[in-house]
Structure formats: C-alpha cells, structure tokens
Amino acid sequence: MKSGSVIAAAVLLSSAAAMGQTATFDAYPEGAGGEEFVEAGIWFFEYDNRSEPPPSMMMADRADGTLAGQPGFSAPNALAFGGWVPGSGVSFGQFGSLHIEPVSGRADTASIHVYDFGNLHNNRTLTLEAFLGGQLVASDTVTLSTGSFVRHNLLSVGGAEFDELLLSAGPGGDDVVYILIDTVTVRLETLTLDPPSPGTAGVNNILSAHGATPGARVHFIYGLRSGSTNVPGCPGVTVGMNAPIIAGSQVADVFGDTDLTRFVPPAASGRRVLLQAVEQSSCTVSNLVDFTFN
C-alpha cells in the first residue's frame, strides 16, 4: 500500500466543478491526495482514522476492478482513506469521521455512496449528519452487516438548509469502519435570495441568489406593492408583487450562485421594497424578500 502524495496547497481543484456539486474523484491521477480535497464545490477535510491525531490522508484510488457495477460508482476512481493500491484493486481504509462543506456556504440536500467490505464489521454504523450554525438539522444512519462481500450503502439528508456535514462511524465514538466513498452530491435545490447587502441607501448594494441551475440566467426583480404577477412563459408561476421591475440579470456559476450589484439612491432610505429572483428557463422563483433600506 502506498501513501498518497501531498498536494502543495493541500487542496485539489478539478474541472469536474463544471458538472455542478457532485464529486466523483475521476479527474485525478490515482494516488493523488492530501489532507483536504475540494472538488465540484465540495470541501472534504478533517478525515480522522481514530488511530492517530487528525487530519489523516485521503487519495483517489482506481476502483473499477472492485466496484464496477455497484450502484452510484463512477469509474474509474473512488475516494480512499489512508492509502491506495496501484491498478484496479482498492484499499478499504480505516475510517472514523470526515467533515464535508459546500464551498458556496450552504445547501439543502446531500447524498454519499459508501462501499464497505462487510467481513470487517460487526454491526457498526455510518451516520451522515447535517448542521446549520453548529445545530443538528438532519441525519441518516445505516448499519453495516458482516459478510465476505463488498456492500453499497447510500446515505442522504435533505429538507433543511445546512452549512456542514459530518460522516462518522459508530455506534461508539472510538469505532471505525473500512470504506471507500464515491459520487458525493451536495447542492442547494431551492432558489434562494438573500437580503441586500449592506442594506444601506446611497451606496452600492449586492443581491445574492443561490440554488440556481448552473449556467442559467437569473433575473433580479423588485416592486413596491404586494400582489401577484404571472411569470411570462411559465403558466401558474407568479411572483409576490404588483408591477415588478427587473433590476438586472446574471448567469449562475457552476455552484448555482450569482450576484447583482446596483446603486441604491439615498431617497430609498426608509422605503420598503419587495425583492425576488426568477430563473425563467426553469420557471423557478425564489423566496420573497421584504426589506426596508437604512
């Protein structure tokens, strides 16, 4: 077994980001790795094997000779822990826990495909927990049975926004499992608009939208009166204001984020304004932001 090479910046960036927020580790040469990975807008860090002080090493390991045909496996690589085996064989490395974060800052759905070698476990568990501001908001747990075969496990969380994930072995705090992971998806599926920043009249303000389709154009609209207005070309889809005005539009980046900067005149101080983001190509509208400028 060879230890992975340390990347100089301890971070791996990949053209796979163009796929959106799904990490498959296939863009890397076998054995490439470090204490951290960043791929497709997902940051993997603080891997702990629970035998030595973290962080330990992670690396891309060619796995198509072992995992071909397994659900969720994207050939040729998976993410291995602690070491790798040259060629199409794999190393099921000792695993205690791993932190995962969306580079964009938040998401509302995540899934991880995990492969374990069953005969190394005695009813150990794997748990995926989602946190927002340090508070647990969602979790999913699978039990790993014994047996001399490779097993696929899918863990997923959703239904609440989060800013950090923790994948950990259990049920005890010192328990370990022997796994590989692949096809990790972390994304914000709901188009969300933030309040203007800094929210002050007389200066430039930034409107930030998240959860758009990468490469799609997002329109930022505003109005002064509550109501309902149809979105052109989108039957049954409305925005929550009368006589909306388009402040501008921007194309979402590979993470589904986009910003619009506009000057807010001093006369807007103390004025209430309604704001919303619209992705017309998918007939999607964001939350309605009801805001009063300072």
Protein backbone atom coordinates (compact mmCIF):
# COMPACT_ATOMS: atom_id res chain seq x y z
CA MET A 1 0.00 0.00 0.00
CA LYS A 2 1.35 3.43 -0.94
CA SER A 3 0.65 6.63 0.89
CA GLY A 4 -0.87 9.43 -1.18
CA SER A 5 1.21 12.36 -2.34
CA VAL A 6 0.56 15.64 -0.53
CA ILE A 7 -0.77 18.38 -2.79
CA ALA A 8 1.21 21.57 -2.21
CA ALA A 9 -1.81 23.62 -1.19
CA ALA A 10 -3.48 20.65 0.48
CA VAL A 11 -6.40 21.27 -1.84
CA LEU A 12 -7.30 19.60 -5.15
CA LEU A 13 -9.28 21.66 -7.64
CA SER A 14 -10.84 19.94 -10.63
CA SER A 15 -12.52 20.72 -13.91
CA ALA A 16 -15.23 18.41 -12.60
CA ALA A 17 -16.66 21.54 -10.98
CA ALA A 18 -18.38 22.17 -14.30
CA MET A 19 -20.64 19.20 -13.51
CA GLY A 20 -22.17 21.04 -10.58
CA GLN A 21 -21.82 19.98 -6.97
CA THR A 22 -21.20 16.27 -7.48
CA ALA A 23 -17.72 14.94 -6.66
CA THR A 24 -16.63 11.70 -8.37
CA PHE A 25 -12.81 11.95 -7.93
CA ASP A 26 -12.33 10.74 -11.52
CA ALA A 27 -10.36 13.76 -12.74
CA TYR A 28 -7.35 12.91 -10.57
CA PRO A 29 -4.48 10.52 -11.24
CA GLU A 30 -4.54 7.50 -8.98
CA GLY A 31 -2.78 8.20 -5.69
CA ALA A 32 -3.27 11.97 -5.82
CA GLY A 33 -4.40 13.26 -2.49
CA GLY A 34 -3.77 15.19 0.66
CA GLU A 35 -5.33 16.20 3.93
CA GLU A 36 -8.10 18.03 2.05
CA PHE A 37 -9.99 17.76 -1.22
CA VAL A 38 -12.04 20.39 -2.98
CA GLU A 39 -13.97 19.10 -5.96
CA ALA A 40 -17.11 20.39 -7.69
CA GLY A 41 -17.69 22.95 -4.96
CA ILE A 42 -17.46 20.40 -2.14
CA TRP A 43 -14.74 20.59 0.53
CA PHE A 44 -13.64 17.34 2.23
CA PHE A 45 -11.49 17.87 5.32
CA GLU A 46 -10.50 16.68 8.80
CA TYR A 47 -10.53 12.97 7.98
CA ASP A 48 -9.92 11.11 11.25
CA ASN A 49 -8.96 7.43 11.26
CA ARG A 50 -9.23 7.38 15.09
CA SER A 51 -5.78 5.80 15.43
CA GLU A 52 -3.65 8.92 15.11
CA PRO A 53 -4.24 12.66 15.51
CA PRO A 54 -6.28 14.07 12.59
CA PRO A 55 -6.18 15.06 9.85
CA SER A 56 -5.08 11.93 8.01
CA MET A 57 -4.54 11.44 4.27
CA MET A 58 -7.18 10.90 1.60
CA MET A 59 -6.47 9.96 -2.02
CA ALA A 60 -8.05 8.99 -5.31
CA ASP A 61 -7.89 5.22 -5.81
CA ARG A 62 -8.78 3.43 -9.04
CA ALA A 63 -11.64 1.13 -8.06
CA ASP A 64 -13.26 -0.11 -11.27
CA GLY A 65 -11.83 -3.61 -10.80
CA THR A 66 -13.68 -3.93 -7.49
CA LEU A 67 -16.66 -1.57 -7.65
CA ALA A 68 -17.72 -1.92 -11.31
CA GLY A 69 -21.48 -2.46 -11.42
CA GLN A 70 -22.05 -1.16 -7.88
CA PRO A 71 -24.82 1.46 -7.57
CA GLY A 72 -23.53 5.02 -7.53
CA PHE A 73 -19.99 4.16 -8.63
CA SER A 74 -18.48 6.48 -11.24
CA ALA A 75 -15.46 4.84 -12.89
CA PRO A 76 -12.58 4.81 -12.54
CA ASN A 77 -11.87 6.34 -9.10
CA ALA A 78 -13.29 6.43 -5.61
CA LEU A 79 -12.02 8.34 -2.56
CA ALA A 80 -9.84 6.14 -0.36
CA PHE A 81 -8.70 6.76 3.19
CA GLY A 82 -5.18 6.27 4.49
CA GLY A 83 -3.69 4.57 1.43
CA TRP A 84 -4.23 3.25 -2.07
CA VAL A 85 -3.50 0.16 -4.15
CA PRO A 86 -1.99 0.59 -7.65
CA GLY A 87 -4.15 -0.68 -10.50
CA SER A 88 -7.82 -1.56 -10.45
CA GLY A 89 -7.79 -3.07 -6.94
CA VAL A 90 -8.68 -0.90 -3.94
CA SER A 91 -7.85 -0.26 -0.34
CA PHE A 92 -10.74 -0.19 2.13
CA GLY A 93 -9.10 2.23 4.55
CA GLN A 94 -9.77 2.65 8.24
CA PHE A 95 -12.33 5.39 8.76
CA GLY A 96 -13.58 7.25 11.81
CA SER A 97 -15.05 10.54 10.57
CA LEU A 98 -14.91 13.16 7.82
CA HIS A 99 -16.15 16.73 7.58
CA ILE A 100 -17.75 17.98 4.36
CA GLU A 101 -18.85 21.51 3.45
CA PRO A 102 -20.34 23.20 0.39
CA VAL A 103 -17.90 25.85 -0.82
CA SER A 104 -20.86 28.11 -1.61
CA GLY A 105 -21.66 28.15 2.11
CA ARG A 106 -24.93 26.27 2.32
CA ALA A 107 -27.03 23.53 0.77
CA ASP A 108 -30.27 21.68 1.45
CA THR A 109 -29.69 18.19 0.08
CA ALA A 110 -26.75 15.77 0.14
CA SER A 111 -26.03 12.14 -0.66
CA ILE A 112 -22.96 9.91 -0.37
CA HIS A 113 -22.40 6.46 -1.88
CA VAL A 114 -20.34 4.35 0.53
CA TYR A 115 -18.75 0.95 -0.12
CA ASP A 116 -17.64 -1.25 2.75
CA PHE A 117 -16.13 -4.72 2.94
CA GLY A 118 -18.65 -6.45 5.15
CA ASN A 119 -16.47 -9.02 6.89
CA LEU A 120 -14.52 -6.26 8.65
CA HIS A 121 -17.57 -5.03 10.58
CA ASN A 122 -19.70 -6.27 13.44
CA ASN A 123 -22.90 -4.24 13.14
CA ARG A 124 -21.04 -0.96 13.03
CA THR A 125 -22.91 2.10 11.78
CA LEU A 126 -22.28 5.02 9.46
CA THR A 127 -24.12 8.27 10.10
CA LEU A 128 -24.41 11.37 7.91
CA GLU A 129 -25.34 14.45 9.95
CA ALA A 130 -26.19 17.91 8.62
CA PHE A 131 -25.57 21.04 10.71
CA LEU A 132 -26.53 24.69 10.40
CA GLY A 133 -24.56 27.03 12.62
CA GLY A 134 -23.46 24.05 14.71
CA GLN A 135 -27.01 22.81 15.29
CA LEU A 136 -28.07 19.38 14.01
CA VAL A 137 -30.86 19.71 11.41
CA ALA A 138 -30.94 16.29 9.69
CA SER A 139 -29.30 12.86 9.83
CA ASP A 140 -29.29 9.42 8.22
CA THR A 141 -27.78 6.17 9.57
CA VAL A 142 -27.07 2.76 8.06
CA THR A 143 -25.93 -0.41 9.84
CA LEU A 144 -23.05 -2.34 8.25
CA SER A 145 -23.61 -6.10 8.49
CA THR A 146 -20.94 -8.78 8.50
CA GLY A 147 -20.17 -10.95 5.46
CA SER A 148 -17.38 -11.51 2.92
CA PHE A 149 -18.53 -9.16 0.20
CA VAL A 150 -18.48 -5.54 -0.89
CA ARG A 151 -21.63 -3.72 0.13
CA HIS A 152 -23.12 -0.49 -1.23
CA ASN A 153 -24.74 1.98 1.17
CA LEU A 154 -26.46 5.26 0.33
CA LEU A 155 -26.75 7.97 2.95
CA SER A 156 -28.74 11.11 2.26
CA VAL A 157 -30.11 14.15 4.07
CA GLY A 158 -32.48 16.88 2.94
CA GLY A 159 -35.41 19.05 3.81
CA ALA A 160 -33.41 21.66 5.72
CA GLU A 161 -30.61 24.07 4.91
CA PHE A 162 -27.18 23.21 6.29
CA ASP A 163 -23.62 24.53 6.12
CA GLU A 164 -21.65 21.45 7.22
CA LEU A 165 -21.88 17.66 7.02
CA LEU A 166 -20.26 15.03 9.23
CA LEU A 167 -19.86 11.43 8.12
CA SER A 168 -18.91 9.26 11.09
CA ALA A 169 -18.57 5.64 12.18
CA GLY A 170 -20.39 4.30 15.20
CA PRO A 171 -22.18 3.48 17.30
CA GLY A 172 -19.31 4.25 19.68
CA GLY A 173 -17.12 7.31 19.46
CA ASP A 174 -14.00 5.15 19.02
CA ASP A 175 -15.46 2.73 16.47
CA VAL A 176 -14.01 2.51 12.96
CA VAL A 177 -15.14 1.04 9.66
CA TYR A 178 -13.27 0.25 6.42
CA ILE A 179 -14.76 2.04 3.43
CA LEU A 180 -14.47 3.93 0.16
CA ILE A 181 -16.81 6.72 -0.95
CA ASP A 182 -17.87 7.98 -4.38
CA THR A 183 -20.42 10.21 -6.14
CA VAL A 184 -20.92 12.73 -3.36
CA THR A 185 -23.64 15.28 -4.15
CA VAL A 186 -24.15 18.43 -2.11
CA ARG A 187 -26.40 21.12 -3.54
CA LEU A 188 -28.90 23.83 -2.81
CA GLU A 189 -32.01 22.79 -4.73
CA THR A 190 -34.18 25.74 -3.73
CA LEU A 191 -33.62 29.08 -5.45
CA THR A 192 -32.91 31.44 -2.56
CA LEU A 193 -32.43 35.21 -2.48
CA ASP A 194 -30.51 36.94 0.31
CA PRO A 195 -31.45 40.40 1.64
CA PRO A 196 -29.49 43.28 0.05
CA SER A 197 -26.01 43.82 1.45
CA PRO A 198 -25.16 46.13 3.17
CA GLY A 199 -28.81 47.17 3.03
CA THR A 200 -27.98 50.88 3.11
CA ALA A 201 -29.28 53.56 0.74
CA GLY A 202 -26.80 55.84 -1.01
CA VAL A 203 -24.27 53.09 -1.75
CA ASN A 204 -23.90 50.03 -3.96
CA ASN A 205 -25.81 47.01 -2.69
CA ILE A 206 -25.33 43.35 -3.61
CA LEU A 207 -28.19 40.94 -4.26
CA SER A 208 -27.10 37.29 -3.98
CA ALA A 209 -29.04 34.30 -5.25
CA HIS A 210 -28.22 30.66 -4.54
CA GLY A 211 -29.54 27.33 -5.75
CA ALA A 212 -29.94 28.31 -9.40
CA THR A 213 -29.23 25.95 -12.27
CA PRO A 214 -25.54 26.34 -13.19
CA GLY A 215 -25.29 28.40 -16.36
CA ALA A 216 -28.88 29.64 -16.18
CA ARG A 217 -29.78 33.32 -16.28
CA VAL A 218 -31.32 34.70 -13.08
CA HIS A 219 -33.42 37.87 -13.12
CA PHE A 220 -33.49 40.06 -10.02
CA ILE A 221 -36.80 41.91 -9.69
CA TYR A 222 -38.25 44.41 -7.24
CA GLY A 223 -41.54 46.15 -6.56
CA LEU A 224 -43.20 48.41 -4.01
CA ARG A 225 -46.59 46.76 -3.62
CA SER A 226 -47.52 43.23 -2.56
CA GLY A 227 -49.58 41.24 -5.00
CA SER A 228 -49.27 38.55 -7.64
CA THR A 229 -47.84 38.79 -11.16
CA ASN A 230 -47.51 35.95 -13.66
CA VAL A 231 -44.04 35.00 -14.87
CA PRO A 232 -44.08 35.16 -18.69
CA GLY A 233 -43.87 31.75 -20.31
CA CYS A 234 -44.46 29.95 -17.02
CA PRO A 235 -48.16 29.08 -16.60
CA GLY A 236 -49.25 29.11 -12.99
CA VAL A 237 -45.95 30.60 -11.71
CA THR A 238 -46.17 34.01 -10.05
CA VAL A 239 -44.03 36.49 -8.14
CA GLY A 240 -45.28 38.12 -4.95
CA MET A 241 -45.59 41.74 -6.07
CA ASN A 242 -47.51 44.00 -8.40
CA ALA A 243 -45.79 45.78 -11.31
CA PRO A 244 -42.38 44.14 -10.83
CA ILE A 245 -39.31 45.86 -12.28
CA ILE A 246 -36.22 43.96 -13.46
CA ALA A 247 -33.18 45.38 -11.68
CA GLY A 248 -30.84 43.25 -13.79
CA SER A 249 -29.85 39.68 -14.54
CA GLN A 250 -26.76 37.49 -14.17
CA VAL A 251 -25.75 33.96 -15.16
CA ALA A 252 -25.34 31.46 -12.31
CA ASP A 253 -21.88 30.00 -11.81
CA VAL A 254 -21.07 26.28 -11.59
CA PHE A 255 -22.23 26.25 -7.97
CA GLY A 256 -25.62 27.84 -8.77
CA ASP A 257 -24.68 31.18 -7.21
CA THR A 258 -24.91 34.64 -8.76
CA ASP A 259 -24.70 38.26 -7.58
CA LEU A 260 -26.05 41.56 -8.89
CA THR A 261 -24.63 44.91 -7.76
CA ARG A 262 -26.78 48.02 -8.05
CA PHE A 263 -26.60 51.55 -6.62
CA VAL A 264 -29.46 52.33 -4.25
CA PRO A 265 -30.25 56.06 -4.24
CA PRO A 266 -30.32 57.98 -0.94
CA ALA A 267 -34.06 58.61 -1.38
CA ALA A 268 -34.66 54.88 -0.79
CA SER A 269 -33.74 55.22 2.89
CA GLY A 270 -36.70 54.12 4.98
CA ARG A 271 -38.51 52.77 1.93
CA ARG A 272 -39.96 49.27 1.89
CA VAL A 273 -39.15 47.21 -1.18
CA LEU A 274 -40.03 43.67 -2.26
CA LEU A 275 -37.32 41.61 -3.95
CA GLN A 276 -37.32 38.25 -5.70
CA ALA A 277 -35.12 36.19 -8.04
CA VAL A 278 -36.54 34.42 -11.09
CA GLU A 279 -34.97 31.65 -13.20
CA GLN A 280 -37.31 31.85 -16.18
CA SER A 281 -35.75 28.94 -18.08
CA SER A 282 -36.90 26.52 -15.36
CA CYS A 283 -39.93 28.58 -14.23
CA THR A 284 -38.46 28.83 -10.74
CA VAL A 285 -38.88 31.75 -8.34
CA SER A 286 -37.08 32.41 -5.08
CA ASN A 287 -38.35 33.39 -1.68
CA LEU A 288 -39.83 36.90 -1.41
CA VAL A 289 -37.58 39.33 0.49
CA ASP A 290 -39.50 42.14 2.22
CA PHE A 291 -36.85 44.75 3.03
CA THR A 292 -36.52 48.34 4.27
CA PHE A 293 -33.30 50.17 3.46
CA ASN A 294 -31.41 52.03 6.17
